[in-house]
N, C-alpha and C. Protein backbone atom coordinates (compact mmCIF):
# COMPACT_ATOMS: atom_id res chain seq x y z
N MET A 1 -4.99 12.94 -22.34
CA MET A 1 -6.13 13.18 -21.44
C MET A 1 -6.13 11.82 -20.86
N ARG A 2 -6.12 11.69 -19.65
CA ARG A 2 -6.38 10.53 -18.93
C ARG A 2 -7.29 10.63 -17.71
N LEU A 3 -8.19 9.30 -17.97
CA LEU A 3 -9.59 9.40 -17.27
C LEU A 3 -9.72 8.47 -16.63
N LYS A 4 -9.56 8.15 -15.28
CA LYS A 4 -9.90 6.76 -14.33
C LYS A 4 -11.33 6.96 -14.24
N THR A 5 -11.66 5.58 -14.35
CA THR A 5 -13.12 4.77 -13.87
C THR A 5 -12.97 3.78 -13.06
N LEU A 6 -13.14 4.04 -11.98
CA LEU A 6 -12.99 2.86 -10.79
C LEU A 6 -13.94 1.73 -11.15
N LEU A 7 -13.49 0.44 -11.49
CA LEU A 7 -14.30 -0.87 -11.20
C LEU A 7 -14.06 -1.51 -10.18
N PRO A 8 -14.92 -1.18 -9.15
CA PRO A 8 -14.76 -1.63 -7.71
C PRO A 8 -14.37 -3.49 -7.70
N THR A 9 -13.40 -3.79 -7.32
CA THR A 9 -13.34 -5.15 -7.18
C THR A 9 -11.89 -5.40 -6.15
N LEU A 10 -12.42 -5.75 -5.19
CA LEU A 10 -11.65 -5.86 -3.94
C LEU A 10 -10.97 -7.55 -4.07
N GLY A 11 -9.93 -7.87 -3.76
CA GLY A 11 -9.22 -9.01 -3.69
C GLY A 11 -8.01 -9.12 -2.06
N MET A 12 -7.14 -10.24 -2.49
CA MET A 12 -6.70 -10.56 -1.56
C MET A 12 -5.23 -10.90 -2.17
N ALA A 13 -5.02 -9.83 -2.92
CA ALA A 13 -3.25 -10.08 -3.61
C ALA A 13 -2.55 -8.61 -3.79
N LEU A 14 -1.31 -8.84 -3.68
CA LEU A 14 -0.60 -7.82 -3.84
C LEU A 14 0.44 -7.92 -4.80
N ALA A 15 0.66 -7.75 -5.67
CA ALA A 15 2.06 -8.21 -6.53
C ALA A 15 2.78 -7.47 -6.50
N SER A 16 3.39 -6.12 -6.52
CA SER A 16 4.24 -4.73 -6.32
C SER A 16 4.61 -4.40 -7.53
N ALA A 17 5.70 -3.59 -7.03
CA ALA A 17 6.32 -2.79 -8.32
C ALA A 17 5.59 -2.10 -9.28
N THR A 18 5.70 -0.80 -9.89
CA THR A 18 4.93 0.15 -10.15
C THR A 18 5.65 1.25 -10.90
N ALA A 19 4.78 1.86 -11.71
CA ALA A 19 5.37 2.96 -12.80
C ALA A 19 4.92 4.33 -11.90
N SER A 20 4.24 4.19 -11.32
CA SER A 20 3.77 5.53 -10.33
C SER A 20 3.92 5.86 -9.21
N ALA A 21 3.77 7.23 -8.71
CA ALA A 21 4.05 7.31 -7.42
C ALA A 21 3.44 6.84 -6.37
N GLN A 22 3.81 6.64 -5.25
CA GLN A 22 3.14 6.03 -4.18
C GLN A 22 2.17 6.95 -3.09
N LYS A 23 1.31 6.60 -3.06
CA LYS A 23 0.52 7.59 -1.95
C LYS A 23 0.55 6.83 -0.39
N VAL A 24 0.76 7.65 0.64
CA VAL A 24 1.00 7.12 1.71
C VAL A 24 0.39 7.95 2.93
N THR A 25 -0.30 7.47 3.96
CA THR A 25 -1.17 8.29 4.75
C THR A 25 -0.93 7.39 5.93
N TYR A 26 -1.05 8.31 7.18
CA TYR A 26 -0.79 7.45 8.56
C TYR A 26 -1.80 8.52 9.53
N ASP A 27 -2.05 7.45 10.50
CA ASP A 27 -2.72 8.18 11.67
C ASP A 27 -2.40 7.38 13.01
N TYR A 28 -2.55 8.19 14.22
CA TYR A 28 -2.27 7.76 15.55
C TYR A 28 -3.16 8.00 16.48
N ASP A 29 -2.76 7.26 17.47
CA ASP A 29 -3.69 7.75 19.05
C ASP A 29 -2.70 9.07 19.39
N LYS A 30 -2.96 10.05 19.61
CA LYS A 30 -2.37 11.12 20.43
C LYS A 30 -1.94 10.84 21.62
N GLY A 31 -3.05 10.30 22.43
CA GLY A 31 -3.05 9.80 23.60
C GLY A 31 -2.04 8.53 24.01
N THR A 32 -1.11 8.06 23.08
CA THR A 32 -0.09 7.13 23.16
C THR A 32 1.46 7.52 23.18
N ASP A 33 2.08 7.04 23.97
CA ASP A 33 3.34 7.18 24.50
C ASP A 33 4.39 6.34 23.94
N PHE A 34 4.46 6.68 22.34
CA PHE A 34 5.73 5.79 21.69
C PHE A 34 7.12 5.55 21.97
N THR A 35 7.36 6.53 23.17
CA THR A 35 8.74 6.15 23.44
C THR A 35 8.53 4.78 24.50
N LYS A 36 6.99 4.39 24.69
CA LYS A 36 7.33 3.52 25.91
C LYS A 36 7.29 1.98 24.95
N ILE A 37 6.99 2.09 23.82
CA ILE A 37 6.99 1.16 22.88
C ILE A 37 8.30 0.22 22.45
N ARG A 38 8.68 -0.86 22.70
CA ARG A 38 10.13 -1.13 22.71
C ARG A 38 9.88 -2.62 21.92
N THR A 39 8.89 -3.28 21.97
CA THR A 39 8.66 -4.56 21.68
C THR A 39 7.66 -4.99 20.72
N TYR A 40 7.46 -5.82 19.64
CA TYR A 40 6.34 -5.81 19.09
C TYR A 40 5.98 -7.53 18.59
N ALA A 41 5.03 -7.99 18.44
CA ALA A 41 4.70 -9.52 17.99
C ALA A 41 3.55 -9.25 16.82
N TRP A 42 3.68 -10.26 15.90
CA TRP A 42 2.72 -10.32 14.81
C TRP A 42 1.77 -10.79 15.14
N THR A 43 0.29 -10.76 14.62
CA THR A 43 -0.76 -10.98 15.13
C THR A 43 -1.59 -11.08 13.58
N HIS A 44 -2.60 -12.00 13.34
CA HIS A 44 -3.16 -12.04 12.08
C HIS A 44 -4.58 -11.77 11.84
N THR A 45 -4.18 -11.22 10.55
CA THR A 45 -5.84 -10.65 9.93
C THR A 45 -6.38 -11.39 9.01
N GLN A 46 -7.73 -11.29 8.73
CA GLN A 46 -8.09 -11.94 7.42
C GLN A 46 -7.65 -11.18 6.16
N GLU A 47 -7.26 -10.23 6.01
CA GLU A 47 -6.75 -9.41 5.14
C GLU A 47 -5.25 -9.76 4.69
N GLU A 48 -4.58 -10.80 5.33
CA GLU A 48 -3.38 -10.88 4.66
C GLU A 48 -3.25 -11.50 3.89
N LEU A 49 -2.12 -11.63 2.75
CA LEU A 49 -2.08 -12.28 1.42
C LEU A 49 -2.16 -13.59 1.69
N ARG A 50 -2.76 -14.38 0.39
CA ARG A 50 -2.73 -15.73 0.37
C ARG A 50 -1.57 -16.01 -0.48
N ASP A 51 -0.76 -15.20 -1.19
CA ASP A 51 0.37 -15.39 -2.06
C ASP A 51 1.26 -15.35 -0.81
N GLU A 52 1.73 -16.69 -0.61
CA GLU A 52 3.05 -16.67 0.58
C GLU A 52 4.32 -16.04 0.43
N LEU A 53 4.59 -15.82 -0.91
CA LEU A 53 6.07 -14.87 -1.47
C LEU A 53 5.81 -13.65 -1.23
N ASN A 54 4.98 -12.85 -1.45
CA ASN A 54 4.54 -11.79 -1.31
C ASN A 54 4.31 -11.38 0.31
N HIS A 55 3.42 -12.43 1.12
CA HIS A 55 3.40 -12.22 2.44
C HIS A 55 4.94 -12.11 3.32
N LYS A 56 5.70 -13.10 2.84
CA LYS A 56 7.23 -12.93 3.57
C LYS A 56 7.96 -11.83 3.29
N ARG A 57 7.54 -11.45 2.15
CA ARG A 57 8.23 -10.08 1.60
C ARG A 57 7.64 -8.82 2.30
N ILE A 58 6.11 -8.59 2.67
CA ILE A 58 5.85 -7.60 3.69
C ILE A 58 6.15 -7.97 5.14
N VAL A 59 6.17 -9.28 5.54
CA VAL A 59 6.56 -9.36 6.83
C VAL A 59 8.02 -9.05 6.96
N ALA A 60 9.06 -9.38 6.24
CA ALA A 60 10.26 -9.26 6.26
C ALA A 60 10.86 -7.70 6.08
N ALA A 61 9.82 -6.67 5.06
CA ALA A 61 9.95 -5.24 5.37
C ALA A 61 9.75 -4.63 6.21
N VAL A 62 8.44 -4.88 7.04
CA VAL A 62 7.99 -4.46 8.33
C VAL A 62 8.69 -4.61 9.20
N ASP A 63 9.39 -5.86 9.60
CA ASP A 63 10.14 -6.12 10.35
C ASP A 63 11.56 -5.50 10.46
N SER A 64 11.82 -5.37 8.97
CA SER A 64 13.18 -4.31 8.95
C SER A 64 12.93 -3.13 9.58
N GLN A 65 12.22 -2.23 8.86
CA GLN A 65 11.68 -1.07 9.40
C GLN A 65 11.69 -1.06 10.94
N LEU A 66 10.50 -1.95 11.56
CA LEU A 66 10.43 -1.90 12.80
C LEU A 66 11.87 -1.98 13.63
N THR A 67 12.60 -3.02 13.28
CA THR A 67 14.15 -3.06 13.99
C THR A 67 15.12 -1.61 13.56
N ALA A 68 14.70 -1.12 12.74
CA ALA A 68 15.17 -0.04 12.45
C ALA A 68 15.20 0.97 13.41
N LYS A 69 13.80 1.38 13.72
CA LYS A 69 13.22 2.19 14.68
C LYS A 69 13.81 1.88 16.12
N GLY A 70 14.16 0.72 16.30
CA GLY A 70 14.59 0.40 17.55
C GLY A 70 13.77 -0.68 18.47
N LEU A 71 12.74 -1.37 17.77
CA LEU A 71 11.67 -2.14 18.33
C LEU A 71 12.26 -3.87 18.19
N THR A 72 12.19 -4.39 19.12
CA THR A 72 12.42 -5.80 19.01
C THR A 72 11.25 -6.53 18.68
N ARG A 73 11.32 -7.94 17.79
CA ARG A 73 10.07 -8.68 17.63
C ARG A 73 10.43 -9.66 18.95
N VAL A 74 9.29 -9.97 19.42
CA VAL A 74 8.86 -11.29 20.00
C VAL A 74 8.26 -12.19 19.51
N GLN A 75 8.19 -13.48 20.10
CA GLN A 75 7.25 -14.31 19.35
C GLN A 75 5.82 -14.27 19.79
N GLU A 76 4.83 -14.92 18.57
CA GLU A 76 3.38 -14.40 18.85
C GLU A 76 3.23 -14.98 20.09
N GLY A 77 2.50 -14.56 21.06
CA GLY A 77 1.57 -15.05 22.18
C GLY A 77 2.61 -14.42 23.21
N GLY A 78 3.75 -13.49 23.03
CA GLY A 78 4.88 -13.53 24.05
C GLY A 78 4.26 -12.06 24.64
N MET A 79 5.24 -11.59 25.26
CA MET A 79 4.64 -10.20 26.03
C MET A 79 5.23 -9.23 25.26
N ALA A 80 4.27 -8.40 24.62
CA ALA A 80 4.78 -7.29 23.62
C ALA A 80 4.09 -6.07 23.87
N ASP A 81 4.68 -5.00 23.46
CA ASP A 81 3.91 -3.82 23.72
C ASP A 81 3.04 -3.30 22.99
N VAL A 82 3.37 -4.00 21.67
CA VAL A 82 2.24 -3.50 20.79
C VAL A 82 2.51 -4.78 19.66
N LEU A 83 1.07 -5.04 19.04
CA LEU A 83 0.78 -6.30 18.02
C LEU A 83 0.62 -5.51 16.83
N VAL A 84 1.46 -6.23 15.94
CA VAL A 84 1.31 -5.67 14.62
C VAL A 84 0.70 -6.80 13.34
N ALA A 85 -0.30 -5.96 12.67
CA ALA A 85 -0.80 -6.79 11.59
C ALA A 85 -0.85 -5.83 10.48
N TYR A 86 -1.03 -6.53 9.12
CA TYR A 86 -1.26 -5.99 7.87
C TYR A 86 -2.23 -6.38 7.23
N GLY A 87 -2.92 -5.62 6.23
CA GLY A 87 -4.09 -6.09 5.47
C GLY A 87 -3.65 -5.66 3.76
N ALA A 88 -3.51 -6.46 3.03
CA ALA A 88 -3.50 -6.05 1.76
C ALA A 88 -4.58 -6.19 0.78
N GLY A 89 -4.67 -5.32 0.02
CA GLY A 89 -5.93 -5.81 -1.14
C GLY A 89 -5.69 -4.95 -2.65
N PHE A 90 -6.45 -5.11 -3.60
CA PHE A 90 -6.46 -4.68 -4.64
C PHE A 90 -7.61 -4.21 -5.39
N GLU A 91 -7.57 -3.13 -6.18
CA GLU A 91 -8.61 -2.73 -6.87
C GLU A 91 -8.30 -2.42 -8.32
N ARG A 92 -9.08 -2.73 -9.55
CA ARG A 92 -8.97 -2.69 -10.55
C ARG A 92 -9.51 -1.50 -11.18
N ASN A 93 -8.80 -0.68 -11.75
CA ASN A 93 -9.14 0.76 -12.42
C ASN A 93 -8.95 0.61 -14.00
N LEU A 94 -9.92 1.60 -14.69
CA LEU A 94 -9.69 1.18 -16.17
C LEU A 94 -9.15 2.81 -16.63
N ALA A 95 -8.12 2.90 -17.36
CA ALA A 95 -7.30 4.12 -17.70
C ALA A 95 -8.07 4.32 -19.20
N ILE A 96 -8.68 5.21 -19.37
CA ILE A 96 -8.99 5.76 -20.94
C ILE A 96 -8.17 6.88 -21.67
N ASN A 97 -7.33 6.70 -22.24
CA ASN A 97 -6.49 7.58 -23.05
C ASN A 97 -7.12 7.94 -24.48
N GLY A 98 -7.39 8.98 -24.65
CA GLY A 98 -8.25 9.74 -26.19
C GLY A 98 -7.36 10.71 -26.55
N SER A 99 -7.31 10.87 -28.15
CA SER A 99 -7.04 11.85 -28.82
C SER A 99 -7.73 12.16 -29.88
N SER A 100 -7.97 13.39 -30.76
CA SER A 100 -8.45 13.88 -31.91
C SER A 100 -7.64 14.46 -32.34
N SER A 101 -7.89 14.99 -33.74
CA SER A 101 -7.16 15.87 -34.45
C SER A 101 -8.05 16.33 -35.87
N GLY A 102 -8.03 17.46 -36.26
CA GLY A 102 -8.55 17.92 -37.35
C GLY A 102 -8.57 19.28 -37.12
N TRP A 103 -9.45 19.74 -38.05
CA TRP A 103 -9.39 21.09 -38.68
C TRP A 103 -11.15 21.98 -38.43
N GLY A 104 -11.64 22.82 -38.33
CA GLY A 104 -13.05 23.29 -38.32
C GLY A 104 -13.48 23.89 -37.40
N GLY A 105 -12.85 23.53 -36.13
CA GLY A 105 -13.60 24.21 -34.89
C GLY A 105 -14.75 23.59 -34.17
N ALA A 106 -15.41 24.29 -33.41
CA ALA A 106 -16.66 23.59 -32.72
C ALA A 106 -17.79 23.66 -34.08
N VAL A 107 -17.91 24.80 -34.74
CA VAL A 107 -19.25 25.19 -35.54
C VAL A 107 -19.21 24.23 -36.81
N TYR A 108 -17.95 24.09 -37.35
CA TYR A 108 -17.84 23.68 -38.94
C TYR A 108 -17.60 22.16 -38.82
N ARG A 109 -16.76 21.95 -37.72
CA ARG A 109 -16.55 20.45 -37.60
C ARG A 109 -15.88 19.95 -38.75
N GLY A 110 -15.60 20.39 -39.79
CA GLY A 110 -14.34 20.27 -40.71
C GLY A 110 -14.14 18.34 -40.61
N ASN A 111 -12.91 18.36 -40.74
CA ASN A 111 -12.49 16.80 -41.04
C ASN A 111 -11.74 16.41 -39.73
N ARG A 112 -12.10 15.86 -38.89
CA ARG A 112 -11.51 15.31 -37.61
C ARG A 112 -11.79 13.96 -37.64
N THR A 113 -10.77 13.44 -36.79
CA THR A 113 -10.23 12.06 -36.50
C THR A 113 -10.11 11.87 -35.11
N GLY A 114 -10.29 10.86 -34.49
CA GLY A 114 -10.36 10.33 -33.01
C GLY A 114 -9.67 8.91 -32.96
N SER A 115 -8.90 8.95 -31.39
CA SER A 115 -9.11 7.20 -31.01
C SER A 115 -9.00 7.43 -29.75
N ALA A 116 -9.34 6.37 -29.23
CA ALA A 116 -8.99 6.07 -27.72
C ALA A 116 -8.69 4.91 -27.43
N ARG A 117 -8.24 4.54 -26.30
CA ARG A 117 -7.75 3.20 -26.13
C ARG A 117 -7.53 3.20 -24.21
N THR A 118 -8.02 2.01 -24.08
CA THR A 118 -7.95 1.47 -22.54
C THR A 118 -7.25 0.50 -22.01
N GLU A 119 -6.69 0.72 -20.89
CA GLU A 119 -5.75 0.16 -20.19
C GLU A 119 -6.29 -0.30 -18.95
N GLU A 120 -6.12 -1.64 -18.08
CA GLU A 120 -6.56 -2.19 -16.94
C GLU A 120 -5.40 -1.53 -15.79
N ILE A 121 -5.60 -1.26 -14.91
CA ILE A 121 -4.74 -0.68 -13.96
C ILE A 121 -4.92 -1.38 -12.49
N LEU A 122 -3.93 -2.18 -12.08
CA LEU A 122 -4.28 -2.74 -10.79
C LEU A 122 -3.52 -1.82 -9.81
N THR A 123 -4.59 -1.42 -8.76
CA THR A 123 -4.00 -0.44 -7.66
C THR A 123 -3.70 -1.43 -6.32
N GLY A 124 -2.58 -1.41 -5.82
CA GLY A 124 -2.61 -2.10 -4.42
C GLY A 124 -2.47 -1.19 -3.53
N THR A 125 -2.89 -1.76 -2.50
CA THR A 125 -3.14 -1.08 -1.13
C THR A 125 -2.49 -2.03 -0.04
N LEU A 126 -1.66 -1.50 0.88
CA LEU A 126 -1.03 -2.12 2.02
C LEU A 126 -1.41 -1.43 3.28
N VAL A 127 -2.03 -2.09 4.01
CA VAL A 127 -2.20 -1.34 5.42
C VAL A 127 -1.51 -1.98 6.86
N VAL A 128 -0.80 -1.23 7.45
CA VAL A 128 0.07 -1.74 8.59
C VAL A 128 -0.36 -0.98 9.77
N ALA A 129 -0.99 -2.06 11.10
CA ALA A 129 -1.28 -1.51 11.81
C ALA A 129 -0.94 -1.96 13.13
N MET A 130 -0.60 -0.90 14.25
CA MET A 130 -0.14 -1.42 15.46
C MET A 130 -1.39 -1.21 16.53
N VAL A 131 -1.38 -2.27 17.57
CA VAL A 131 -2.39 -2.44 18.19
C VAL A 131 -1.96 -2.56 19.44
N ASP A 132 -2.73 -1.98 20.80
CA ASP A 132 -2.41 -2.03 21.99
C ASP A 132 -3.15 -3.49 22.50
N PRO A 133 -1.95 -4.26 23.09
CA PRO A 133 -2.76 -5.74 23.39
C PRO A 133 -3.85 -5.87 24.26
N GLU A 134 -3.72 -4.71 25.28
CA GLU A 134 -4.67 -4.80 26.25
C GLU A 134 -5.92 -4.34 26.08
N THR A 135 -5.87 -3.08 25.37
CA THR A 135 -7.19 -2.53 24.99
C THR A 135 -7.55 -2.92 23.31
N LYS A 136 -6.70 -4.06 22.92
CA LYS A 136 -7.09 -3.96 21.24
C LYS A 136 -7.49 -2.76 20.49
N SER A 137 -7.20 -1.71 20.72
CA SER A 137 -7.08 -0.47 20.08
C SER A 137 -6.07 -0.01 19.35
N ILE A 138 -6.44 0.64 18.19
CA ILE A 138 -5.35 0.88 17.24
C ILE A 138 -4.45 2.06 17.50
N VAL A 139 -3.06 2.12 17.74
CA VAL A 139 -2.26 3.34 18.29
C VAL A 139 -1.45 3.84 17.17
N TRP A 140 -1.41 2.98 16.12
CA TRP A 140 -0.75 3.60 14.93
C TRP A 140 -1.09 2.80 13.66
N ARG A 141 -1.23 3.54 12.14
CA ARG A 141 -1.97 2.99 11.23
C ARG A 141 -0.80 3.55 10.10
N GLY A 142 -0.45 3.12 9.10
CA GLY A 142 0.00 3.54 7.96
C GLY A 142 -0.53 2.83 6.79
N THR A 143 -0.98 3.67 5.88
CA THR A 143 -1.47 3.16 4.70
C THR A 143 -0.95 3.49 3.44
N ALA A 144 -0.30 2.62 2.62
CA ALA A 144 0.53 2.81 1.06
C ALA A 144 -0.40 2.37 0.13
N THR A 145 -0.42 3.03 -0.85
CA THR A 145 -1.25 2.79 -2.10
C THR A 145 -0.58 3.33 -3.46
N ARG A 146 -0.60 2.22 -4.60
CA ARG A 146 0.27 2.44 -5.93
C ARG A 146 -0.25 1.45 -6.90
N ASP A 147 0.34 1.95 -8.14
CA ASP A 147 -0.43 1.04 -8.95
C ASP A 147 0.66 -0.31 -8.97
N VAL A 148 0.45 -1.17 -9.63
CA VAL A 148 1.07 -2.79 -9.20
C VAL A 148 1.52 -2.99 -10.64
N ASP A 149 2.69 -3.74 -11.00
CA ASP A 149 3.61 -4.05 -12.32
C ASP A 149 2.96 -5.59 -11.91
N GLN A 150 2.05 -6.28 -12.58
CA GLN A 150 1.93 -7.52 -12.19
C GLN A 150 2.74 -8.51 -12.69
N ASN A 151 3.50 -8.12 -13.66
CA ASN A 151 5.08 -8.88 -14.75
C ASN A 151 6.08 -8.57 -13.93
N ALA A 152 6.12 -8.07 -12.61
CA ALA A 152 7.74 -7.57 -12.34
C ALA A 152 8.27 -8.72 -11.96
N SER A 153 9.67 -8.96 -11.72
CA SER A 153 10.63 -9.84 -11.42
C SER A 153 10.56 -10.08 -9.90
N PRO A 154 11.13 -11.30 -9.37
CA PRO A 154 10.75 -11.18 -8.13
C PRO A 154 11.85 -10.18 -7.12
N GLU A 155 13.12 -9.95 -7.99
CA GLU A 155 14.26 -8.43 -7.49
C GLU A 155 13.23 -7.48 -7.59
N LYS A 156 12.68 -7.19 -8.34
CA LYS A 156 11.88 -6.00 -8.52
C LYS A 156 10.53 -5.87 -7.62
N ARG A 157 10.00 -7.04 -7.09
CA ARG A 157 8.95 -6.86 -5.95
C ARG A 157 9.28 -6.54 -4.62
N ASP A 158 10.70 -7.20 -4.48
CA ASP A 158 11.50 -7.11 -3.18
C ASP A 158 11.76 -5.68 -3.21
N LYS A 159 12.22 -4.74 -4.35
CA LYS A 159 12.92 -3.56 -4.24
C LYS A 159 11.43 -2.93 -3.68
N SER A 160 10.37 -3.13 -4.62
CA SER A 160 9.40 -2.53 -4.37
C SER A 160 8.77 -2.34 -3.31
N ILE A 161 8.43 -3.53 -2.71
CA ILE A 161 7.88 -3.65 -1.18
C ILE A 161 8.62 -2.90 -0.27
N ASN A 162 9.95 -3.52 -0.24
CA ASN A 162 10.81 -2.43 0.67
C ASN A 162 10.81 -1.07 0.82
N LYS A 163 10.99 -0.45 -0.78
CA LYS A 163 10.78 0.90 -0.77
C LYS A 163 9.57 1.46 -0.27
N GLY A 164 8.27 0.66 -0.37
CA GLY A 164 7.03 0.90 0.33
C GLY A 164 6.99 1.11 1.38
N VAL A 165 7.16 0.25 2.14
CA VAL A 165 7.32 -0.01 3.63
C VAL A 165 8.34 1.20 4.52
N ALA A 166 9.30 1.17 3.35
CA ALA A 166 10.24 2.23 4.15
C ALA A 166 9.28 3.65 4.18
N LYS A 167 9.01 4.11 3.35
CA LYS A 167 8.23 5.39 2.85
C LYS A 167 7.27 5.20 4.28
N LEU A 168 6.29 4.15 4.11
CA LEU A 168 5.45 3.81 5.12
C LEU A 168 5.63 4.07 6.57
N PHE A 169 6.74 3.90 7.08
CA PHE A 169 7.55 3.67 8.23
C PHE A 169 8.33 5.06 8.73
N GLU A 170 8.40 5.79 7.87
CA GLU A 170 8.99 7.38 7.93
C GLU A 170 8.20 8.02 8.90
N HIS A 171 6.67 8.02 8.80
CA HIS A 171 5.85 8.66 9.95
C HIS A 171 5.93 7.67 11.04
N TYR A 172 6.75 6.75 11.37
CA TYR A 172 6.64 6.37 12.71
C TYR A 172 7.93 6.48 13.62
N PRO A 173 8.19 6.61 15.02
CA PRO A 173 7.13 7.28 15.36
C PRO A 173 6.27 8.62 14.99
N PRO A 174 5.39 8.48 15.76
CA PRO A 174 4.99 10.12 14.79
C PRO A 174 5.40 11.30 15.83
N LYS A 175 5.74 12.37 14.89
CA LYS A 175 6.04 13.48 15.84
C LYS A 175 5.15 14.63 16.25
N LYS A 176 4.75 14.38 17.69
CA LYS A 176 4.05 14.96 18.04
C LYS A 176 3.95 16.78 18.44
């Protein structure tokens, strides 16, 4: 039996690579004509990673996906149809695994033994947002969440981030 108890801790790090499935959600402004969005520029948020290596991985992965979707990156401060920003954070969870064995049932209780083991799990969340530069309102947002392997190799981190961002952008542009 696996029971998760959340220990709320937010931070500014996302390592990557994991053993569990990724959860992806998205939302968008239904009044936006996504066929008119052809260019983008990066903008900065306080929720960006302070880890420069993973920051570069995320930016490169998002750039790759937006290019594949037909968008062209312009320099920051240039004339862009949308501004792109990301935020990343983590939360530490506690997984408790327990088991018991023995005989006697609930009434007699007989000979029973049991054990429990706890394991800390780091869950990372990546949020990518596209913002209208004139109105400063979000026109599209995607969120990806999964457990993080803090001991992953750089190659595994690259692969995990690229895979996660690709899954995130499966929902862009939204189908109306």
